[in-house]
């Protein structure tokens, strides 16, 4: 699992560039990539990638 944190309420496809590079480099060892942001919703961004609200960490 890879986690990246953004200080933003919106997450764009470009915010996943480093996670996508890691997924390609590690191929079948890459389980899932998450961008934690200040948004309100869980948003999938392709295969094994999603944006998740920071608030979800605390219930």
PDB file of N, CA and C in Angstrom:
ATOM      1  N   UNK A   1       0.846  -1.167   0.000  1.00  0.00           N
ATOM      2  CA  UNK A   1       0.000   0.000   0.000  1.00  0.00           C
ATOM      3  C   UNK A   1       0.892   1.230   0.000  1.00  0.00           C
ATOM      4  N   UNK A   2       0.519   2.187  -0.818  1.00  0.00           N
ATOM      5  CA  UNK A   2       1.247   3.452  -0.885  1.00  0.00           C
ATOM      6  C   UNK A   2       0.276   4.575  -0.549  1.00  0.00           C
ATOM      7  N   UNK A   3       0.747   5.555   0.217  1.00  0.00           N
ATOM      8  CA  UNK A   3      -0.104   6.671   0.644  1.00  0.00           C
ATOM      9  C   UNK A   3       0.597   7.978   0.331  1.00  0.00           C
ATOM     10  N   UNK A   4      -0.181   8.907  -0.232  1.00  0.00           N
ATOM     11  CA  UNK A   4       0.316  10.254  -0.483  1.00  0.00           C
ATOM     12  C   UNK A   4      -0.688  11.213   0.143  1.00  0.00           C
ATOM     13  N   UNK A   5      -0.208  12.316   0.694  1.00  0.00           N
ATOM     14  CA  UNK A   5      -1.086  13.288   1.355  1.00  0.00           C
ATOM     15  C   UNK A   5      -1.017  14.596   0.588  1.00  0.00           C
ATOM     16  N   UNK A   6      -2.195  15.168   0.315  1.00  0.00           N
ATOM     17  CA  UNK A   6      -2.298  16.450  -0.391  1.00  0.00           C
ATOM     18  C   UNK A   6      -3.026  17.454   0.496  1.00  0.00           C
ATOM     19  N   UNK A   7      -2.562  18.680   0.505  1.00  0.00           N
ATOM     20  CA  UNK A   7      -3.220  19.754   1.252  1.00  0.00           C
ATOM     21  C   UNK A   7      -4.189  20.468   0.315  1.00  0.00           C
ATOM     22  N   UNK A   8      -5.219  19.750  -0.108  1.00  0.00           N
ATOM     23  CA  UNK A   8      -6.176  20.285  -1.062  1.00  0.00           C
ATOM     24  C   UNK A   8      -7.523  19.604  -0.869  1.00  0.00           C
ATOM     25  N   UNK A   9      -8.599  20.289  -1.250  1.00  0.00           N
ATOM     26  CA  UNK A   9      -9.911  19.654  -1.182  1.00  0.00           C
ATOM     27  C   UNK A   9     -10.237  18.912  -2.465  1.00  0.00           C
ATOM     28  N   UNK A  10      -9.550  19.230  -3.551  1.00  0.00           N
ATOM     29  CA  UNK A  10      -9.779  18.540  -4.822  1.00  0.00           C
ATOM     30  C   UNK A  10      -8.542  17.743  -5.209  1.00  0.00           C
ATOM     31  N   UNK A  11      -8.782  16.597  -5.791  1.00  0.00           N
ATOM     32  CA  UNK A  11      -7.703  15.730  -6.249  1.00  0.00           C
ATOM     33  C   UNK A  11      -7.883  15.523  -7.746  1.00  0.00           C
ATOM     34  N   UNK A  12      -6.796  15.704  -8.496  1.00  0.00           N
ATOM     35  CA  UNK A  12      -6.837  15.538  -9.946  1.00  0.00           C
ATOM     36  C   UNK A  12      -6.030  14.303 -10.346  1.00  0.00           C
ATOM     37  N   UNK A  13      -6.242  13.849 -11.549  1.00  0.00           N
ATOM     38  CA  UNK A  13      -5.537  12.667 -12.048  1.00  0.00           C
ATOM     39  C   UNK A  13      -4.021  12.843 -11.945  1.00  0.00           C
ATOM     40  N   UNK A  14      -3.514  14.049 -12.159  1.00  0.00           N
ATOM     41  CA  UNK A  14      -2.080  14.313 -12.071  1.00  0.00           C
ATOM     42  C   UNK A  14      -1.499  14.091 -10.687  1.00  0.00           C
ATOM     43  N   UNK A  15      -2.349  14.146  -9.668  1.00  0.00           N
ATOM     44  CA  UNK A  15      -1.896  13.919  -8.295  1.00  0.00           C
ATOM     45  C   UNK A  15      -1.512  12.460  -8.049  1.00  0.00           C
ATOM     46  N   UNK A  16      -1.868  11.597  -8.981  1.00  0.00           N
ATOM     47  CA  UNK A  16      -1.578  10.172  -8.850  1.00  0.00           C
ATOM     48  C   UNK A  16      -0.339   9.749  -9.638  1.00  0.00           C
ATOM     49  N   UNK A  17       0.363  10.701 -10.243  1.00  0.00           N
ATOM     50  CA  UNK A  17       1.520  10.386 -11.089  1.00  0.00           C
ATOM     51  C   UNK A  17       2.568   9.534 -10.381  1.00  0.00           C
ATOM     52  N   UNK A  18       2.939   9.920  -9.181  1.00  0.00           N
ATOM     53  CA  UNK A  18       3.978   9.172  -8.467  1.00  0.00           C
ATOM     54  C   UNK A  18       3.480   7.792  -8.037  1.00  0.00           C
ATOM     55  N   UNK A  19       2.209   7.696  -7.666  1.00  0.00           N
ATOM     56  CA  UNK A  19       1.652   6.394  -7.295  1.00  0.00           C
ATOM     57  C   UNK A  19       1.561   5.477  -8.515  1.00  0.00           C
ATOM     58  N   UNK A  20       1.211   6.043  -9.671  1.00  0.00           N
ATOM     59  CA  UNK A  20       1.157   5.244 -10.895  1.00  0.00           C
ATOM     60  C   UNK A  20       2.546   4.754 -11.285  1.00  0.00           C
ATOM     61  N   UNK A  21       3.552   5.601 -11.121  1.00  0.00           N
ATOM     62  CA  UNK A  21       4.928   5.193 -11.425  1.00  0.00           C
ATOM     63  C   UNK A  21       5.370   4.063 -10.497  1.00  0.00           C
ATOM     64  N   UNK A  22       5.009   4.169  -9.238  1.00  0.00           N
ATOM     65  CA  UNK A  22       5.341   3.105  -8.284  1.00  0.00           C
ATOM     66  C   UNK A  22       4.620   1.805  -8.648  1.00  0.00           C
ATOM     67  N   UNK A  23       3.358   1.907  -9.018  1.00  0.00           N
ATOM     68  CA  UNK A  23       2.580   0.727  -9.413  1.00  0.00           C
ATOM     69  C   UNK A  23       3.218   0.040 -10.622  1.00  0.00           C
ATOM     70  N   UNK A  24       3.679   0.824 -11.586  1.00  0.00           N
ATOM     71  CA  UNK A  24       4.327   0.248 -12.770  1.00  0.00           C
ATOM     72  C   UNK A  24       5.667  -0.384 -12.417  1.00  0.00           C
ATOM     73  N   UNK A  25       6.404   0.246 -11.537  1.00  0.00           N
ATOM     74  CA  UNK A  25       7.727  -0.267 -11.160  1.00  0.00           C
ATOM     75  C   UNK A  25       7.629  -1.542 -10.330  1.00  0.00           C
ATOM     76  N   UNK A  26       6.616  -1.634  -9.506  1.00  0.00           N
ATOM     77  CA  UNK A  26       6.480  -2.779  -8.601  1.00  0.00           C
ATOM     78  C   UNK A  26       5.496  -3.821  -9.116  1.00  0.00           C
ATOM     79  N   UNK A  27       4.838  -3.539 -10.218  1.00  0.00           N
ATOM     80  CA  UNK A  27       3.890  -4.428 -10.891  1.00  0.00           C
ATOM     81  C   UNK A  27       2.986  -5.190  -9.937  1.00  0.00           C
ATOM     82  N   UNK A  28       3.145  -6.502  -9.829  1.00  0.00           N
ATOM     83  CA  UNK A  28       2.205  -7.303  -9.035  1.00  0.00           C
ATOM     84  C   UNK A  28       2.416  -7.176  -7.529  1.00  0.00           C
ATOM     85  N   UNK A  29       3.441  -6.471  -7.078  1.00  0.00           N
ATOM     86  CA  UNK A  29       3.653  -6.256  -5.632  1.00  0.00           C
ATOM     87  C   UNK A  29       2.917  -5.023  -5.128  1.00  0.00           C
ATOM     88  N   UNK A  30       2.391  -4.215  -6.032  1.00  0.00           N
ATOM     89  CA  UNK A  30       1.658  -3.006  -5.658  1.00  0.00           C
ATOM     90  C   UNK A  30       0.212  -3.386  -5.366  1.00  0.00           C
ATOM     91  N   UNK A  31      -0.221  -3.216  -4.125  1.00  0.00           N
ATOM     92  CA  UNK A  31      -1.577  -3.614  -3.738  1.00  0.00           C
ATOM     93  C   UNK A  31      -2.591  -2.504  -3.998  1.00  0.00           C
ATOM     94  N   UNK A  32      -2.305  -1.266  -3.528  1.00  0.00           N
ATOM     95  CA  UNK A  32      -3.268  -0.179  -3.646  1.00  0.00           C
ATOM     96  C   UNK A  32      -2.567   1.138  -3.352  1.00  0.00           C
ATOM     97  N   UNK A  33      -2.989   2.203  -4.010  1.00  0.00           N
ATOM     98  CA  UNK A  33      -2.451   3.539  -3.769  1.00  0.00           C
ATOM     99  C   UNK A  33      -3.559   4.492  -3.364  1.00  0.00           C
ATOM    100  N   UNK A  34      -3.291   5.293  -2.345  1.00  0.00           N
ATOM    101  CA  UNK A  34      -4.278   6.218  -1.797  1.00  0.00           C
ATOM    102  C   UNK A  34      -3.698   7.620  -1.749  1.00  0.00           C
ATOM    103  N   UNK A  35      -4.502   8.591  -2.184  1.00  0.00           N
ATOM    104  CA  UNK A  35      -4.183   9.995  -1.954  1.00  0.00           C
ATOM    105  C   UNK A  35      -5.141  10.478  -0.881  1.00  0.00           C
ATOM    106  N   UNK A  36      -4.596  10.851   0.261  1.00  0.00           N
ATOM    107  CA  UNK A  36      -5.398  11.429   1.337  1.00  0.00           C
ATOM    108  C   UNK A  36      -5.495  12.930   1.095  1.00  0.00           C
ATOM    109  N   UNK A  37      -6.712  13.447   1.108  1.00  0.00           N
ATOM    110  CA  UNK A  37      -6.923  14.869   0.851  1.00  0.00           C
ATOM    111  C   UNK A  37      -8.022  15.389   1.767  1.00  0.00           C
ATOM    112  N   UNK A  38      -8.271  16.683   1.700  1.00  0.00           N
ATOM    113  CA  UNK A  38      -9.244  17.326   2.568  1.00  0.00           C
ATOM    114  C   UNK A  38     -10.645  17.325   1.960  1.00  0.00           C
ATOM    115  N   UNK A  39     -10.900  16.446   1.016  1.00  0.00           N
ATOM    116  CA  UNK A  39     -12.217  16.352   0.387  1.00  0.00           C
ATOM    117  C   UNK A  39     -13.212  15.629   1.277  1.00  0.00           C
ATOM    118  N   UNK A  40     -14.410  15.386   0.736  1.00  0.00           N
ATOM    119  CA  UNK A  40     -15.466  14.764   1.525  1.00  0.00           C
ATOM    120  C   UNK A  40     -15.820  13.360   1.058  1.00  0.00           C
ATOM    121  N   UNK A  41     -15.402  12.973  -0.149  1.00  0.00           N
ATOM    122  CA  UNK A  41     -15.839  11.709  -0.726  1.00  0.00           C
ATOM    123  C   UNK A  41     -14.664  10.824  -1.119  1.00  0.00           C
ATOM    124  N   UNK A  42     -14.905   9.518  -1.102  1.00  0.00           N
ATOM    125  CA  UNK A  42     -13.954   8.560  -1.653  1.00  0.00           C
ATOM    126  C   UNK A  42     -14.168   8.556  -3.166  1.00  0.00           C
ATOM    127  N   UNK A  43     -13.088   8.772  -3.924  1.00  0.00           N
ATOM    128  CA  UNK A  43     -13.195   8.850  -5.379  1.00  0.00           C
ATOM    129  C   UNK A  43     -12.182   7.890  -6.003  1.00  0.00           C
ATOM    130  N   UNK A  44     -12.647   6.872  -6.734  1.00  0.00           N
ATOM    131  CA  UNK A  44     -11.712   5.970  -7.408  1.00  0.00           C
ATOM    132  C   UNK A  44     -11.042   6.680  -8.585  1.00  0.00           C
ATOM    133  N   UNK A  45      -9.757   6.378  -8.792  1.00  0.00           N
ATOM    134  CA  UNK A  45      -8.995   6.970  -9.887  1.00  0.00           C
ATOM    135  C   UNK A  45      -8.301   5.878 -10.688  1.00  0.00           C
ATOM    136  N   UNK A  46      -9.042   4.897 -11.130  1.00  0.00           N
ATOM    137  CA  UNK A  46      -8.464   3.831 -11.933  1.00  0.00           C
ATOM    138  C   UNK A  46      -8.184   2.595 -11.113  1.00  0.00           C
ATOM    139  N   UNK A  47      -7.438   1.700 -11.723  1.00  0.00           N
ATOM    140  CA  UNK A  47      -7.139   0.407 -11.111  1.00  0.00           C
ATOM    141  C   UNK A  47      -6.261   0.561  -9.870  1.00  0.00           C
ATOM    142  N   UNK A  48      -6.768   0.178  -8.723  1.00  0.00           N
ATOM    143  CA  UNK A  48      -6.038   0.163  -7.452  1.00  0.00           C
ATOM    144  C   UNK A  48      -5.589   1.533  -6.971  1.00  0.00           C
ATOM    145  N   UNK A  49      -6.319   2.588  -7.338  1.00  0.00           N
ATOM    146  CA  UNK A  49      -6.013   3.952  -6.895  1.00  0.00           C
ATOM    147  C   UNK A  49      -7.302   4.645  -6.468  1.00  0.00           C
ATOM    148  N   UNK A  50      -7.226   5.431  -5.381  1.00  0.00           N
ATOM    149  CA  UNK A  50      -8.401   6.181  -4.928  1.00  0.00           C
ATOM    150  C   UNK A  50      -7.973   7.386  -4.114  1.00  0.00           C
ATOM    151  N   UNK A  51      -8.822   8.418  -4.142  1.00  0.00           N
ATOM    152  CA  UNK A  51      -8.669   9.567  -3.254  1.00  0.00           C
ATOM    153  C   UNK A  51      -9.594   9.319  -2.068  1.00  0.00           C
ATOM    154  N   UNK A  52      -9.082   9.523  -0.879  1.00  0.00           N
ATOM    155  CA  UNK A  52      -9.836   9.262   0.340  1.00  0.00           C
ATOM    156  C   UNK A  52      -9.727  10.478   1.256  1.00  0.00           C
ATOM    157  N   UNK A  53     -10.844  10.887   1.866  1.00  0.00           N
ATOM    158  CA  UNK A  53     -10.788  12.032   2.776  1.00  0.00           C
ATOM    159  C   UNK A  53      -9.925  11.760   4.009  1.00  0.00           C
ATOM    160  N   UNK A  54      -9.152  12.745   4.410  1.00  0.00           N
ATOM    161  CA  UNK A  54      -8.375  12.640   5.638  1.00  0.00           C
ATOM    162  C   UNK A  54      -9.263  12.306   6.837  1.00  0.00           C
ATOM    163  N   UNK A  55     -10.469  12.848   6.824  1.00  0.00           N
ATOM    164  CA  UNK A  55     -11.387  12.635   7.946  1.00  0.00           C
ATOM    165  C   UNK A  55     -11.762  11.164   8.123  1.00  0.00           C
ATOM    166  N   UNK A  56     -11.609  10.362   7.099  1.00  0.00           N
ATOM    167  CA  UNK A  56     -11.945   8.934   7.219  1.00  0.00           C
ATOM    168  C   UNK A  56     -10.970   8.202   8.151  1.00  0.00           C
ATOM    169  N   UNK A  57      -9.838   8.797   8.438  1.00  0.00           N
ATOM    170  CA  UNK A  57      -8.887   8.181   9.350  1.00  0.00           C
ATOM    171  C   UNK A  57      -9.378   8.205  10.805  1.00  0.00           C
ATOM    172  N   UNK A  58     -10.242   9.165  11.103  1.00  0.00           N
ATOM    173  CA  UNK A  58     -10.713   9.330  12.474  1.00  0.00           C
ATOM    174  C   UNK A  58     -12.185   9.011  12.639  1.00  0.00           C
ATOM    175  N   UNK A  59     -12.746   8.310  11.692  1.00  0.00           N
ATOM    176  CA  UNK A  59     -14.146   7.881  11.809  1.00  0.00           C
ATOM    177  C   UNK A  59     -15.071   8.900  11.293  1.00  0.00           C
TER     178      UNK A  59
END
